Amino acid sequence: MLAFISIQLGILNLLPIPILDGGHILFYLFELVFRKPLSIRAREILQQIGLALLIMLMVLAIYNDLARLFWSS
């Protein structure tokens, strides 16, 4: 069970959401392709968008869990 949770967390961490490790890989790929780093301001904005996406994903998961617990038949 613990190994399954660890693998799932690793897969989630590799999603290309900027605040996660997959997002950092995406930034590095951008630098590799365009031969210049992304501006600090653009990186900050993308990090904030990524954080908002991650929070929305967590809220959705919690809502689904609570809905299944309280309103399932």
PDB file of N, CA and C in Angstrom:
ATOM      1  N   MET A   1       0.824  -1.193   0.000  1.00  0.00           N
ATOM      2  CA  MET A   1       0.000   0.000   0.000  1.00  0.00           C
ATOM      3  C   MET A   1       0.869   1.257   0.000  1.00  0.00           C
ATOM      4  N   LEU A   2       1.897   1.260   0.823  1.00  0.00           N
ATOM      5  CA  LEU A   2       2.785   2.410   0.896  1.00  0.00           C
ATOM      6  C   LEU A   2       3.541   2.615  -0.409  1.00  0.00           C
ATOM      7  N   ALA A   3       3.952   1.523  -1.047  1.00  0.00           N
ATOM      8  CA  ALA A   3       4.648   1.624  -2.339  1.00  0.00           C
ATOM      9  C   ALA A   3       3.710   2.189  -3.404  1.00  0.00           C
ATOM     10  N   PHE A   4       2.456   1.773  -3.385  1.00  0.00           N
ATOM     11  CA  PHE A   4       1.480   2.279  -4.348  1.00  0.00           C
ATOM     12  C   PHE A   4       1.291   3.779  -4.191  1.00  0.00           C
ATOM     13  N   ILE A   5       1.159   4.243  -2.959  1.00  0.00           N
ATOM     14  CA  ILE A   5       1.004   5.681  -2.692  1.00  0.00           C
ATOM     15  C   ILE A   5       2.247   6.436  -3.137  1.00  0.00           C
ATOM     16  N   SER A   6       3.412   5.876  -2.891  1.00  0.00           N
ATOM     17  CA  SER A   6       4.658   6.522  -3.283  1.00  0.00           C
ATOM     18  C   SER A   6       4.769   6.641  -4.805  1.00  0.00           C
ATOM     19  N   ILE A   7       4.382   5.596  -5.512  1.00  0.00           N
ATOM     20  CA  ILE A   7       4.423   5.638  -6.979  1.00  0.00           C
ATOM     21  C   ILE A   7       3.427   6.658  -7.512  1.00  0.00           C
ATOM     22  N   GLN A   8       2.235   6.697  -6.945  1.00  0.00           N
ATOM     23  CA  GLN A   8       1.229   7.662  -7.377  1.00  0.00           C
ATOM     24  C   GLN A   8       1.693   9.099  -7.126  1.00  0.00           C
ATOM     25  N   LEU A   9       2.332   9.336  -6.003  1.00  0.00           N
ATOM     26  CA  LEU A   9       2.852  10.663  -5.704  1.00  0.00           C
ATOM     27  C   LEU A   9       3.961  11.044  -6.686  1.00  0.00           C
ATOM     28  N   GLY A  10       4.809  10.083  -7.044  1.00  0.00           N
ATOM     29  CA  GLY A  10       5.861  10.346  -8.024  1.00  0.00           C
ATOM     30  C   GLY A  10       5.302  10.696  -9.385  1.00  0.00           C
ATOM     31  N   ILE A  11       4.248   9.988  -9.799  1.00  0.00           N
ATOM     32  CA  ILE A  11       3.614  10.289 -11.087  1.00  0.00           C
ATOM     33  C   ILE A  11       2.966  11.666 -11.046  1.00  0.00           C
ATOM     34  N   LEU A  12       2.281  11.980  -9.973  1.00  0.00           N
ATOM     35  CA  LEU A  12       1.663  13.303  -9.828  1.00  0.00           C
ATOM     36  C   LEU A  12       2.720  14.405  -9.852  1.00  0.00           C
ATOM     37  N   ASN A  13       3.859  14.148  -9.252  1.00  0.00           N
ATOM     38  CA  ASN A  13       4.928  15.137  -9.178  1.00  0.00           C
ATOM     39  C   ASN A  13       5.535  15.414 -10.551  1.00  0.00           C
ATOM     40  N   LEU A  14       5.433  14.482 -11.488  1.00  0.00           N
ATOM     41  CA  LEU A  14       6.000  14.670 -12.819  1.00  0.00           C
ATOM     42  C   LEU A  14       5.030  15.311 -13.814  1.00  0.00           C
ATOM     43  N   LEU A  15       3.829  15.659 -13.365  1.00  0.00           N
ATOM     44  CA  LEU A  15       2.912  16.378 -14.247  1.00  0.00           C
ATOM     45  C   LEU A  15       3.527  17.725 -14.620  1.00  0.00           C
ATOM     46  N   PRO A  16       3.283  18.199 -15.834  1.00  0.00           N
ATOM     47  CA  PRO A  16       3.898  19.466 -16.257  1.00  0.00           C
ATOM     48  C   PRO A  16       3.226  20.709 -15.678  1.00  0.00           C
ATOM     49  N   ILE A  17       2.908  20.667 -14.406  1.00  0.00           N
ATOM     50  CA  ILE A  17       2.371  21.833 -13.708  1.00  0.00           C
ATOM     51  C   ILE A  17       3.573  22.593 -13.148  1.00  0.00           C
ATOM     52  N   PRO A  18       3.692  23.900 -13.428  1.00  0.00           N
ATOM     53  CA  PRO A  18       4.927  24.631 -13.110  1.00  0.00           C
ATOM     54  C   PRO A  18       5.419  24.546 -11.677  1.00  0.00           C
ATOM     55  N   ILE A  19       4.579  24.356 -10.698  1.00  0.00           N
ATOM     56  CA  ILE A  19       5.071  24.341  -9.326  1.00  0.00           C
ATOM     57  C   ILE A  19       5.656  22.983  -8.939  1.00  0.00           C
ATOM     58  N   LEU A  20       5.355  21.947  -9.734  1.00  0.00           N
ATOM     59  CA  LEU A  20       5.867  20.610  -9.466  1.00  0.00           C
ATOM     60  C   LEU A  20       7.171  20.373 -10.230  1.00  0.00           C
ATOM     61  N   ASP A  21       7.790  19.223 -10.001  1.00  0.00           N
ATOM     62  CA  ASP A  21       9.049  18.906 -10.680  1.00  0.00           C
ATOM     63  C   ASP A  21       8.882  18.806 -12.186  1.00  0.00           C
ATOM     64  N   GLY A  22       7.740  18.332 -12.648  1.00  0.00           N
ATOM     65  CA  GLY A  22       7.481  18.275 -14.089  1.00  0.00           C
ATOM     66  C   GLY A  22       7.480  19.660 -14.711  1.00  0.00           C
ATOM     67  N   GLY A  23       7.027  20.640 -13.973  1.00  0.00           N
ATOM     68  CA  GLY A  23       7.060  22.023 -14.450  1.00  0.00           C
ATOM     69  C   GLY A  23       8.481  22.546 -14.561  1.00  0.00           C
ATOM     70  N   HIS A  24       9.339  22.166 -13.623  1.00  0.00           N
ATOM     71  CA  HIS A  24      10.739  22.570 -13.700  1.00  0.00           C
ATOM     72  C   HIS A  24      11.410  21.933 -14.908  1.00  0.00           C
ATOM     73  N   ILE A  25      11.052  20.686 -15.186  1.00  0.00           N
ATOM     74  CA  ILE A  25      11.581  20.024 -16.385  1.00  0.00           C
ATOM     75  C   ILE A  25      11.102  20.773 -17.625  1.00  0.00           C
ATOM     76  N   LEU A  26       9.850  21.232 -17.615  1.00  0.00           N
ATOM     77  CA  LEU A  26       9.308  22.004 -18.724  1.00  0.00           C
ATOM     78  C   LEU A  26      10.075  23.315 -18.907  1.00  0.00           C
ATOM     79  N   PHE A  27      10.426  23.987 -17.800  1.00  0.00           N
ATOM     80  CA  PHE A  27      11.224  25.215 -17.891  1.00  0.00           C
ATOM     81  C   PHE A  27      12.600  24.926 -18.477  1.00  0.00           C
ATOM     82  N   TYR A  28      13.212  23.823 -18.063  1.00  0.00           N
ATOM     83  CA  TYR A  28      14.530  23.468 -18.587  1.00  0.00           C
ATOM     84  C   TYR A  28      14.461  23.128 -20.066  1.00  0.00           C
ATOM     85  N   LEU A  29      13.384  22.477 -20.500  1.00  0.00           N
ATOM     86  CA  LEU A  29      13.216  22.198 -21.921  1.00  0.00           C
ATOM     87  C   LEU A  29      13.045  23.485 -22.714  1.00  0.00           C
ATOM     88  N   PHE A  30      12.326  24.452 -22.143  1.00  0.00           N
ATOM     89  CA  PHE A  30      12.189  25.759 -22.784  1.00  0.00           C
ATOM     90  C   PHE A  30      13.560  26.403 -22.974  1.00  0.00           C
ATOM     91  N   GLU A  31      14.380  26.362 -21.919  1.00  0.00           N
ATOM     92  CA  GLU A  31      15.725  26.927 -22.008  1.00  0.00           C
ATOM     93  C   GLU A  31      16.569  26.188 -23.032  1.00  0.00           C
ATOM     94  N   LEU A  32      16.412  24.890 -23.129  1.00  0.00           N
ATOM     95  CA  LEU A  32      17.171  24.089 -24.080  1.00  0.00           C
ATOM     96  C   LEU A  32      16.780  24.431 -25.517  1.00  0.00           C
ATOM     97  N   VAL A  33      15.495  24.601 -25.771  1.00  0.00           N
ATOM     98  CA  VAL A  33      15.021  24.877 -27.123  1.00  0.00           C
ATOM     99  C   VAL A  33      15.339  26.309 -27.546  1.00  0.00           C
ATOM    100  N   PHE A  34      15.072  27.279 -26.689  1.00  0.00           N
ATOM    101  CA  PHE A  34      15.218  28.683 -27.062  1.00  0.00           C
ATOM    102  C   PHE A  34      16.559  29.290 -26.674  1.00  0.00           C
ATOM    103  N   ARG A  35      17.415  28.533 -26.015  1.00  0.00           N
ATOM    104  CA  ARG A  35      18.774  28.960 -25.633  1.00  0.00           C
ATOM    105  C   ARG A  35      18.810  30.204 -24.760  1.00  0.00           C
ATOM    106  N   LYS A  36      17.713  30.468 -24.051  1.00  0.00           N
ATOM    107  CA  LYS A  36      17.701  31.571 -23.078  1.00  0.00           C
ATOM    108  C   LYS A  36      16.709  31.214 -21.981  1.00  0.00           C
ATOM    109  N   PRO A  37      16.989  31.620 -20.768  1.00  0.00           N
ATOM    110  CA  PRO A  37      16.069  31.290 -19.666  1.00  0.00           C
ATOM    111  C   PRO A  37      14.791  32.114 -19.744  1.00  0.00           C
ATOM    112  N   LEU A  38      13.751  31.559 -19.177  1.00  0.00           N
ATOM    113  CA  LEU A  38      12.484  32.251 -19.069  1.00  0.00           C
ATOM    114  C   LEU A  38      12.653  33.405 -18.085  1.00  0.00           C
ATOM    115  N   SER A  39      12.008  34.525 -18.351  1.00  0.00           N
ATOM    116  CA  SER A  39      12.158  35.676 -17.453  1.00  0.00           C
ATOM    117  C   SER A  39      11.612  35.336 -16.071  1.00  0.00           C
ATOM    118  N   ILE A  40      12.142  36.018 -15.079  1.00  0.00           N
ATOM    119  CA  ILE A  40      11.724  35.784 -13.696  1.00  0.00           C
ATOM    120  C   ILE A  40      10.235  36.077 -13.528  1.00  0.00           C
ATOM    121  N   ARG A  41       9.763  37.147 -14.134  1.00  0.00           N
ATOM    122  CA  ARG A  41       8.352  37.517 -14.008  1.00  0.00           C
ATOM    123  C   ARG A  41       7.441  36.447 -14.623  1.00  0.00           C
ATOM    124  N   ALA A  42       7.810  35.966 -15.804  1.00  0.00           N
ATOM    125  CA  ALA A  42       7.015  34.920 -16.458  1.00  0.00           C
ATOM    126  C   ALA A  42       7.033  33.643 -15.625  1.00  0.00           C
ATOM    127  N   ARG A  43       8.181  33.323 -15.052  1.00  0.00           N
ATOM    128  CA  ARG A  43       8.289  32.129 -14.209  1.00  0.00           C
ATOM    129  C   ARG A  43       7.406  32.263 -12.966  1.00  0.00           C
ATOM    130  N   GLU A  44       7.396  33.458 -12.364  1.00  0.00           N
ATOM    131  CA  GLU A  44       6.556  33.688 -11.183  1.00  0.00           C
ATOM    132  C   GLU A  44       5.075  33.538 -11.520  1.00  0.00           C
ATOM    133  N   ILE A  45       4.664  34.097 -12.650  1.00  0.00           N
ATOM    134  CA  ILE A  45       3.261  34.002 -13.059  1.00  0.00           C
ATOM    135  C   ILE A  45       2.888  32.548 -13.303  1.00  0.00           C
ATOM    136  N   LEU A  46       3.748  31.805 -14.000  1.00  0.00           N
ATOM    137  CA  LEU A  46       3.471  30.401 -14.263  1.00  0.00           C
ATOM    138  C   LEU A  46       3.440  29.585 -12.974  1.00  0.00           C
ATOM    139  N   GLN A  47       4.290  29.923 -12.006  1.00  0.00           N
ATOM    140  CA  GLN A  47       4.273  29.231 -10.714  1.00  0.00           C
ATOM    141  C   GLN A  47       2.952  29.484  -9.986  1.00  0.00           C
ATOM    142  N   GLN A  48       2.452  30.714 -10.052  1.00  0.00           N
ATOM    143  CA  GLN A  48       1.190  31.036  -9.398  1.00  0.00           C
ATOM    144  C   GLN A  48       0.016  30.313 -10.064  1.00  0.00           C
ATOM    145  N   ILE A  49       0.045  30.240 -11.395  1.00  0.00           N
ATOM    146  CA  ILE A  49      -0.991  29.503 -12.110  1.00  0.00           C
ATOM    147  C   ILE A  49      -0.926  28.026 -11.739  1.00  0.00           C
ATOM    148  N   GLY A  50       0.274  27.479 -11.673  1.00  0.00           N
ATOM    149  CA  GLY A  50       0.441  26.078 -11.289  1.00  0.00           C
ATOM    150  C   GLY A  50      -0.061  25.805  -9.885  1.00  0.00           C
ATOM    151  N   LEU A  51       0.205  26.712  -8.971  1.00  0.00           N
ATOM    152  CA  LEU A  51      -0.278  26.555  -7.601  1.00  0.00           C
ATOM    153  C   LEU A  51      -1.800  26.585  -7.564  1.00  0.00           C
ATOM    154  N   ALA A  52      -2.405  27.504  -8.326  1.00  0.00           N
ATOM    155  CA  ALA A  52      -3.862  27.574  -8.379  1.00  0.00           C
ATOM    156  C   ALA A  52      -4.447  26.276  -8.949  1.00  0.00           C
ATOM    157  N   LEU A  53      -3.820  25.728  -9.991  1.00  0.00           N
ATOM    158  CA  LEU A  53      -4.290  24.466 -10.565  1.00  0.00           C
ATOM    159  C   LEU A  53      -4.183  23.325  -9.558  1.00  0.00           C
ATOM    160  N   LEU A  54      -3.088  23.294  -8.831  1.00  0.00           N
ATOM    161  CA  LEU A  54      -2.893  22.243  -7.838  1.00  0.00           C
ATOM    162  C   LEU A  54      -3.906  22.352  -6.698  1.00  0.00           C
ATOM    163  N   ILE A  55      -4.176  23.560  -6.256  1.00  0.00           N
ATOM    164  CA  ILE A  55      -5.176  23.765  -5.201  1.00  0.00           C
ATOM    165  C   ILE A  55      -6.564  23.368  -5.690  1.00  0.00           C
ATOM    166  N   MET A  56      -6.892  23.719  -6.947  1.00  0.00           N
ATOM    167  CA  MET A  56      -8.189  23.318  -7.492  1.00  0.00           C
ATOM    168  C   MET A  56      -8.303  21.805  -7.600  1.00  0.00           C
ATOM    169  N   LEU A  57      -7.216  21.132  -7.962  1.00  0.00           N
ATOM    170  CA  LEU A  57      -7.226  19.671  -8.027  1.00  0.00           C
ATOM    171  C   LEU A  57      -7.456  19.065  -6.643  1.00  0.00           C
ATOM    172  N   MET A  58      -6.825  19.638  -5.619  1.00  0.00           N
ATOM    173  CA  MET A  58      -7.019  19.136  -4.260  1.00  0.00           C
ATOM    174  C   MET A  58      -8.443  19.385  -3.770  1.00  0.00           C
ATOM    175  N   VAL A  59      -9.001  20.550  -4.065  1.00  0.00           N
ATOM    176  CA  VAL A  59     -10.376  20.855  -3.661  1.00  0.00           C
ATOM    177  C   VAL A  59     -11.346  19.899  -4.348  1.00  0.00           C
ATOM    178  N   LEU A  60     -11.120  19.620  -5.625  1.00  0.00           N
ATOM    179  CA  LEU A  60     -11.974  18.683  -6.341  1.00  0.00           C
ATOM    180  C   LEU A  60     -11.895  17.284  -5.732  1.00  0.00           C
ATOM    181  N   ALA A  61     -10.705  16.848  -5.389  1.00  0.00           N
ATOM    182  CA  ALA A  61     -10.547  15.523  -4.792  1.00  0.00           C
ATOM    183  C   ALA A  61     -11.241  15.446  -3.431  1.00  0.00           C
ATOM    184  N   ILE A  62     -11.092  16.476  -2.615  1.00  0.00           N
ATOM    185  CA  ILE A  62     -11.746  16.489  -1.307  1.00  0.00           C
ATOM    186  C   ILE A  62     -13.263  16.526  -1.466  1.00  0.00           C
ATOM    187  N   TYR A  63     -13.756  17.329  -2.409  1.00  0.00           N
ATOM    188  CA  TYR A  63     -15.196  17.393  -2.650  1.00  0.00           C
ATOM    189  C   TYR A  63     -15.731  16.025  -3.075  1.00  0.00           C
ATOM    190  N   ASN A  64     -15.039  15.361  -3.989  1.00  0.00           N
ATOM    191  CA  ASN A  64     -15.483  14.041  -4.431  1.00  0.00           C
ATOM    192  C   ASN A  64     -15.494  13.044  -3.282  1.00  0.00           C
ATOM    193  N   ASP A  65     -14.489  13.094  -2.427  1.00  0.00           N
ATOM    194  CA  ASP A  65     -14.450  12.195  -1.280  1.00  0.00           C
ATOM    195  C   ASP A  65     -15.611  12.455  -0.322  1.00  0.00           C
ATOM    196  N   LEU A  66     -15.855  13.729  -0.033  1.00  0.00           N
ATOM    197  CA  LEU A  66     -16.955  14.055   0.877  1.00  0.00           C
ATOM    198  C   LEU A  66     -18.316  13.749   0.261  1.00  0.00           C
ATOM    199  N   ALA A  67     -18.468  13.997  -1.030  1.00  0.00           N
ATOM    200  CA  ALA A  67     -19.733  13.701  -1.703  1.00  0.00           C
ATOM    201  C   ALA A  67     -19.997  12.199  -1.694  1.00  0.00           C
ATOM    202  N   ARG A  68     -18.967  11.417  -1.925  1.00  0.00           N
ATOM    203  CA  ARG A  68     -19.149   9.964  -1.908  1.00  0.00           C
ATOM    204  C   ARG A  68     -19.454   9.467  -0.494  1.00  0.00           C
ATOM    205  N   LEU A  69     -18.864  10.115   0.508  1.00  0.00           N
ATOM    206  CA  LEU A  69     -19.069   9.685   1.896  1.00  0.00           C
ATOM    207  C   LEU A  69     -20.469  10.026   2.387  1.00  0.00           C
ATOM    208  N   PHE A  70     -20.942  11.258   2.087  1.00  0.00           N
ATOM    209  CA  PHE A  70     -22.201  11.708   2.655  1.00  0.00           C
ATOM    210  C   PHE A  70     -23.413  11.504   1.763  1.00  0.00           C
ATOM    211  N   TRP A  71     -23.250  11.551   0.448  1.00  0.00           N
ATOM    212  CA  TRP A  71     -24.407  11.518  -0.439  1.00  0.00           C
ATOM    213  C   TRP A  71     -24.496  10.259  -1.290  1.00  0.00           C
ATOM    214  N   SER A  72     -23.701   9.264  -1.000  1.00  0.00           N
ATOM    215  CA  SER A  72     -23.805   8.040  -1.791  1.00  0.00           C
ATOM    216  C   SER A  72     -24.989   7.214  -1.311  1.00  0.00           C
ATOM    217  N   SER A  73     -25.561   6.470  -2.232  1.00  0.00           N
ATOM    218  CA  SER A  73     -26.723   5.664  -1.831  1.00  0.00           C
ATOM    219  C   SER A  73     -26.391   4.203  -1.755  1.00  0.00           C
TER     220      SER A  73
END
